[in-house]
C-alpha atoms as a PDB file:
ATOM      1  CA  MET A   1     -17.593  32.347   6.487  1.00  0.00           C
ATOM      2  CA  GLY A   2     -14.519  31.744   9.127  1.00  0.00           C
ATOM      3  CA  TRP A   3     -13.728  28.262  10.941  1.00  0.00           C
ATOM      4  CA  ASN A   4     -14.993  28.147  14.415  1.00  0.00           C
ATOM      5  CA  MET A   5     -14.384  25.653  17.608  1.00  0.00           C
ATOM      6  CA  THR A   6     -17.872  23.858  16.887  1.00  0.00           C
ATOM      7  CA  GLN A   7     -17.125  23.146  13.207  1.00  0.00           C
ATOM      8  CA  ALA A   8     -15.439  19.610  13.051  1.00  0.00           C
ATOM      9  CA  TRP A   9     -12.827  20.261   9.883  1.00  0.00           C
ATOM     10  CA  GLN A  10     -10.751  23.167   8.714  1.00  0.00           C
ATOM     11  CA  LEU A  11      -8.517  23.824   5.756  1.00  0.00           C
ATOM     12  CA  GLU A  12      -4.738  23.358   6.853  1.00  0.00           C
ATOM     13  CA  ARG A  13      -2.959  25.013   4.023  1.00  0.00           C
ATOM     14  CA  LEU A  14      -2.625  25.193   0.356  1.00  0.00           C
ATOM     15  CA  TYR A  15      -1.381  21.541  -0.990  1.00  0.00           C
ATOM     16  CA  HIS A  16      -0.645  21.952  -4.611  1.00  0.00           C
ATOM     17  CA  THR A  17      -1.567  23.895  -7.823  1.00  0.00           C
ATOM     18  CA  VAL A  18      -2.116  22.309 -11.315  1.00  0.00           C
ATOM     19  CA  VAL A  19      -0.448  23.858 -14.155  1.00  0.00           C
ATOM     20  CA  ASN A  20      -1.728  22.949 -17.451  1.00  0.00           C
ATOM     21  CA  ALA A  21       1.047  22.215 -19.795  1.00  0.00           C
ATOM     22  CA  ARG A  22       1.435  22.193 -23.331  1.00  0.00           C
ATOM     23  CA  ASP A  23       4.698  20.543 -23.105  1.00  0.00           C
ATOM     24  CA  LEU A  24       5.612  18.766 -19.985  1.00  0.00           C
ATOM     25  CA  ASP A  25       9.415  18.872 -20.534  1.00  0.00           C
ATOM     26  CA  GLU A  26       9.594  22.609 -21.430  1.00  0.00           C
ATOM     27  CA  SER A  27       7.278  23.618 -18.445  1.00  0.00           C
ATOM     28  CA  VAL A  28       9.517  21.714 -16.032  1.00  0.00           C
ATOM     29  CA  ALA A  29      12.658  23.646 -17.490  1.00  0.00           C
ATOM     30  CA  PHE A  30      10.933  26.782 -16.893  1.00  0.00           C
ATOM     31  CA  TYR A  31       9.727  26.299 -13.089  1.00  0.00           C
ATOM     32  CA  ARG A  32      13.337  24.888 -12.772  1.00  0.00           C
ATOM     33  CA  LEU A  33      14.373  28.094 -13.943  1.00  0.00           C
ATOM     34  CA  LEU A  34      12.336  29.798 -11.258  1.00  0.00           C
ATOM     35  CA  GLY A  35      14.025  27.424  -8.444  1.00  0.00           C
ATOM     36  CA  PHE A  36      11.849  24.627  -8.263  1.00  0.00           C
ATOM     37  CA  GLU A  37      12.833  20.923  -7.986  1.00  0.00           C
ATOM     38  CA  VAL A  38      11.419  17.884  -9.242  1.00  0.00           C
ATOM     39  CA  LEU A  39       9.804  15.938  -6.206  1.00  0.00           C
ATOM     40  CA  ASN A  40       7.954  13.133  -8.242  1.00  0.00           C
ATOM     41  CA  ASP A  41       8.353  12.595 -11.710  1.00  0.00           C
ATOM     42  CA  ARG A  42       4.910  10.965 -12.791  1.00  0.00           C
ATOM     43  CA  ARG A  43       5.526  11.143 -16.675  1.00  0.00           C
ATOM     44  CA  HIS A  44       5.164   7.504 -17.399  1.00  0.00           C
ATOM     45  CA  VAL A  45       2.555   6.502 -14.762  1.00  0.00           C
ATOM     46  CA  GLU A  46      -0.625   5.417 -16.285  1.00  0.00           C
ATOM     47  CA  TRP A  47      -3.682   6.838 -14.819  1.00  0.00           C
ATOM     48  CA  PRO A  48      -6.127   4.766 -13.783  1.00  0.00           C
ATOM     49  CA  ASP A  49     -10.295   5.386 -14.513  1.00  0.00           C
ATOM     50  CA  PHE A  50     -11.000   6.389 -11.320  1.00  0.00           C
ATOM     51  CA  VAL A  51      -8.902   9.689 -11.585  1.00  0.00           C
ATOM     52  CA  ALA A  52     -11.652  11.243 -14.221  1.00  0.00           C
ATOM     53  CA  THR A  53     -14.122  10.620 -11.554  1.00  0.00           C
ATOM     54  CA  ILE A  54     -12.290  12.621  -8.873  1.00  0.00           C
ATOM     55  CA  PHE A  55     -12.323  15.599 -11.455  1.00  0.00           C
ATOM     56  CA  GLY A  56     -16.198  15.105 -12.397  1.00  0.00           C
ATOM     57  CA  MET A  57     -14.600  14.107 -15.863  1.00  0.00           C
ATOM     58  CA  LYS A  58     -15.432  11.385 -18.349  1.00  0.00           C
ATOM     59  CA  ARG A  59     -12.234  10.326 -19.291  1.00  0.00           C
ATOM     60  CA  ALA A  60      -8.834  11.764 -17.860  1.00  0.00           C
ATOM     61  CA  LYS A  61      -5.420  10.866 -18.891  1.00  0.00           C
ATOM     62  CA  GLY A  62      -2.246  12.633 -18.594  1.00  0.00           C
ATOM     63  CA  ALA A  63       1.297  12.693 -17.805  1.00  0.00           C
ATOM     64  CA  GLY A  64       2.806  15.065 -14.718  1.00  0.00           C
ATOM     65  CA  VAL A  65       5.706  16.127 -12.433  1.00  0.00           C
ATOM     66  CA  LEU A  66       5.262  17.375  -8.842  1.00  0.00           C
ATOM     67  CA  MET A  67       7.648  20.437  -8.040  1.00  0.00           C
ATOM     68  CA  VAL A  68       8.302  22.080  -4.710  1.00  0.00           C
ATOM     69  CA  LEU A  69      10.699  25.024  -3.810  1.00  0.00           C
ATOM     70  CA  PRO A  70      13.772  23.384  -2.054  1.00  0.00           C
ATOM     71  CA  ASN A  71      13.603  26.420   0.705  1.00  0.00           C
ATOM     72  CA  ASP A  72       9.839  25.416   1.389  1.00  0.00           C
ATOM     73  CA  PRO A  73       9.934  21.614   1.490  1.00  0.00           C
ATOM     74  CA  GLY A  74       6.415  21.244   3.329  1.00  0.00           C
ATOM     75  CA  GLY A  75       5.102  24.208   1.224  1.00  0.00           C
ATOM     76  CA  PRO A  76       2.570  23.911  -1.522  1.00  0.00           C
ATOM     77  CA  MET A  77       3.588  22.099  -4.794  1.00  0.00           C
ATOM     78  CA  ILE A  78       3.226  22.601  -8.519  1.00  0.00           C
ATOM     79  CA  ASP A  79       1.614  19.785 -10.280  1.00  0.00           C
ATOM     80  CA  ILE A  80       2.408  20.210 -14.109  1.00  0.00           C
ATOM     81  CA  ILE A  81       0.188  18.035 -16.049  1.00  0.00           C
ATOM     82  CA  GLU A  82       0.209  17.737 -19.695  1.00  0.00           C
ATOM     83  CA  TRP A  83      -3.049  16.187 -20.532  1.00  0.00           C
ATOM     84  CA  LYS A  84      -3.441  13.777 -23.125  1.00  0.00           C
ATOM     85  CA  GLU A  85      -7.296  13.171 -22.923  1.00  0.00           C
ATOM     86  CA  PRO A  86      -8.861  15.231 -22.994  1.00  0.00           C
ATOM     87  CA  LYS A  87      -6.390  17.606 -24.442  1.00  0.00           C
ATOM     88  CA  ALA A  88      -5.992  20.765 -22.817  1.00  0.00           C
ATOM     89  CA  LYS A  89      -6.804  24.213 -25.122  1.00  0.00           C
ATOM     90  CA  PHE A  90      -4.194  27.230 -24.964  1.00  0.00           C
ATOM     91  CA  ALA A  91      -4.665  30.579 -26.114  1.00  0.00           C
ATOM     92  CA  ALA A  92      -1.723  31.562 -28.435  1.00  0.00           C
ATOM     93  CA  ILE A  93      -1.200  34.807 -26.602  1.00  0.00           C
ATOM     94  CA  PRO A  94      -3.974  34.546 -23.552  1.00  0.00           C
ATOM     95  CA  VAL A  95      -4.179  38.288 -22.213  1.00  0.00           C
ATOM     96  CA  ALA A  96      -3.579  39.548 -25.839  1.00  0.00           C
ATOM     97  CA  ASP A  97      -6.608  36.879 -27.199  1.00  0.00           C
ATOM     98  CA  GLY A  98      -8.759  38.648 -24.829  1.00  0.00           C
ATOM     99  CA  GLU A  99      -8.324  36.045 -22.283  1.00  0.00           C
ATOM    100  CA  VAL A 100      -8.665  36.471 -18.716  1.00  0.00           C
ATOM    101  CA  PRO A 101      -5.038  35.748 -17.344  1.00  0.00           C
ATOM    102  CA  ARG A 102      -4.484  32.715 -15.025  1.00  0.00           C
ATOM    103  CA  ILE A 103      -1.947  33.989 -12.486  1.00  0.00           C
ATOM    104  CA  ILE A 104       0.527  32.257  -9.938  1.00  0.00           C
ATOM    105  CA  ALA A 105       2.255  34.786  -7.852  1.00  0.00           C
ATOM    106  CA  PHE A 106       5.565  34.580  -5.760  1.00  0.00           C
ATOM    107  CA  ARG A 107       7.145  36.183  -3.074  1.00  0.00           C
ATOM    108  CA  VAL A 108      10.584  36.706  -4.129  1.00  0.00           C
ATOM    109  CA  LYS A 109      13.985  37.844  -2.247  1.00  0.00           C
ATOM    110  CA  ASN A 110      15.652  40.542  -4.772  1.00  0.00           C
ATOM    111  CA  VAL A 111      13.081  40.781  -7.155  1.00  0.00           C
ATOM    112  CA  ARG A 112      15.436  43.275  -9.373  1.00  0.00           C
ATOM    113  CA  ARG A 113      18.172  40.429  -9.595  1.00  0.00           C
ATOM    114  CA  ALA A 114      15.202  37.797 -10.546  1.00  0.00           C
ATOM    115  CA  TYR A 115      13.920  40.242 -13.182  1.00  0.00           C
ATOM    116  CA  ASP A 116      17.312  41.090 -14.558  1.00  0.00           C
ATOM    117  CA  ASP A 117      18.536  37.105 -14.553  1.00  0.00           C
ATOM    118  CA  LEU A 118      15.380  35.868 -16.075  1.00  0.00           C
ATOM    119  CA  THR A 119      15.141  38.674 -18.650  1.00  0.00           C
ATOM    120  CA  ALA A 120      18.813  37.765 -19.736  1.00  0.00           C
ATOM    121  CA  LYS A 121      17.944  34.145 -20.126  1.00  0.00           C
ATOM    122  CA  GLY A 122      15.051  34.925 -22.436  1.00  0.00           C
ATOM    123  CA  VAL A 123      12.050  35.312 -20.102  1.00  0.00           C
ATOM    124  CA  ARG A 124       9.266  37.447 -21.639  1.00  0.00           C
ATOM    125  CA  PHE A 125       7.816  39.864 -19.225  1.00  0.00           C
ATOM    126  CA  THR A 126       4.680  41.837 -19.460  1.00  0.00           C
ATOM    127  CA  ARG A 127       6.456  45.183 -18.974  1.00  0.00           C
ATOM    128  CA  ASP A 128       9.564  46.519 -17.005  1.00  0.00           C
ATOM    129  CA  LEU A 129       9.830  46.146 -12.838  1.00  0.00           C
ATOM    130  CA  PHE A 130       7.170  47.880 -11.093  1.00  0.00           C
ATOM    131  CA  THR A 131       7.608  49.611  -7.732  1.00  0.00           C
ATOM    132  CA  HIS A 132       5.156  51.570  -5.440  1.00  0.00           C
ATOM    133  CA  GLU A 133       6.591  52.778  -2.411  1.00  0.00           C
ATOM    134  CA  GLU A 134       3.187  53.694  -1.284  1.00  0.00           C
ATOM    135  CA  LEU A 135       1.863  50.445  -1.330  1.00  0.00           C
ATOM    136  CA  GLY A 136       4.779  48.715   0.079  1.00  0.00           C
ATOM    137  CA  ILE A 137       5.965  47.064  -3.013  1.00  0.00           C
ATOM    138  CA  ILE A 138       9.419  47.040  -3.440  1.00  0.00           C
ATOM    139  CA  GLY A 139       8.961  45.370  -6.711  1.00  0.00           C
ATOM    140  CA  SER A 140       6.598  43.304  -8.767  1.00  0.00           C
ATOM    141  CA  CYS A 141       6.869  41.975 -12.553  1.00  0.00           C
ATOM    142  CA  CYS A 142       4.966  39.387 -14.656  1.00  0.00           C
ATOM    143  CA  CYS A 143       6.094  36.972 -17.210  1.00  0.00           C
ATOM    144  CA  TYR A 144       4.681  34.141 -19.096  1.00  0.00           C
ATOM    145  CA  ASP A 145       5.224  30.399 -18.287  1.00  0.00           C
ATOM    146  CA  PRO A 146       5.534  28.196 -21.661  1.00  0.00           C
ATOM    147  CA  ASN A 147       1.815  27.646 -21.312  1.00  0.00           C
ATOM    148  CA  GLY A 148       0.638  31.344 -21.097  1.00  0.00           C
ATOM    149  CA  ASN A 149       0.241  31.664 -17.484  1.00  0.00           C
ATOM    150  CA  LEU A 150       1.476  34.666 -15.637  1.00  0.00           C
ATOM    151  CA  ILE A 151       3.903  34.094 -13.203  1.00  0.00           C
ATOM    152  CA  GLU A 152       3.953  37.239 -10.763  1.00  0.00           C
ATOM    153  CA  LEU A 153       7.137  37.833  -8.613  1.00  0.00           C
ATOM    154  CA  ILE A 154       6.753  40.472  -5.912  1.00  0.00           C
ATOM    155  CA  GLU A 155       8.927  41.649  -3.232  1.00  0.00           C
ATOM    156  CA  LEU A 156       7.459  43.247  -0.143  1.00  0.00           C
ATOM    157  CA  PRO A 157       9.332  44.733   3.121  1.00  0.00           C
ATOM    158  CA  PRO A 158      10.223  41.829   5.674  1.00  0.00           C
ATOM    159  CA  GLY A 159       7.190  41.305   7.780  1.00  0.00           C
ATOM    160  CA  GLN A 160       4.626  42.796   5.295  1.00  0.00           C
ATOM    161  CA  ARG A 161       1.931  40.195   4.276  1.00  0.00           C
ATOM    162  CA  HIS A 162       0.508  41.854   1.286  1.00  0.00           C
ATOM    163  CA  SER A 163       0.121  45.216  -0.432  1.00  0.00           C
ATOM    164  CA  LYS A 164      -1.291  48.165   1.350  1.00  0.00           C
ATOM    165  CA  ALA A 165      -4.045  48.730  -1.516  1.00  0.00           C
ATOM    166  CA  ASN A 166      -6.988  50.128   0.012  1.00  0.00           C
ATOM    167  CA  GLU A 167      -9.320  52.425  -1.776  1.00  0.00           C
ATOM    168  CA  ALA A 168      -7.831  55.770  -0.801  1.00  0.00           C
ATOM    169  CA  LEU A 169      -4.431  54.798  -2.061  1.00  0.00           C
ATOM    170  CA  LEU A 170      -5.929  53.335  -5.126  1.00  0.00           C
ATOM    171  CA  LYS A 171      -7.975  56.686  -5.899  1.00  0.00           C
ATOM    172  CA  LYS A 172      -4.602  58.436  -5.844  1.00  0.00           C
ATOM    173  CA  ALA A 173      -2.636  56.261  -7.890  1.00  0.00           C
END
């Protein structure tokens, strides 16, 4: 159902995504590797009791760091939270443990260089860089953040909004 002129409200844009962290410092360092900068360091902020009610929880305590891409200062943020109460649960190796992956995807300029650079820095990828000309994918790759989330890096031609995936192309692949 789309927004129409008779509706009194509408979503404006994606504000932030919460990334649950095993270790806040390790996660902040990883997202800095990707190019994020700290916008607001909330490691030592004591969460008031009403925070739990916002999320429909009985209790919610944690520490967080809000990060943003410097080339998109008004764009969506990453809110990295290390939950203290309750503790977040993490699969040892999410996909291998049969878990459905949690994926955050980023458009990248020069995905080949990103892949090579991050690999050289010890970042673990699920496979080699993937390309698919018919789908309009210059390159795509997924690596793991320190919490087991998959981070997809994808490069598409300028002006192309998404891959050209459709039923006919996928049947041929």
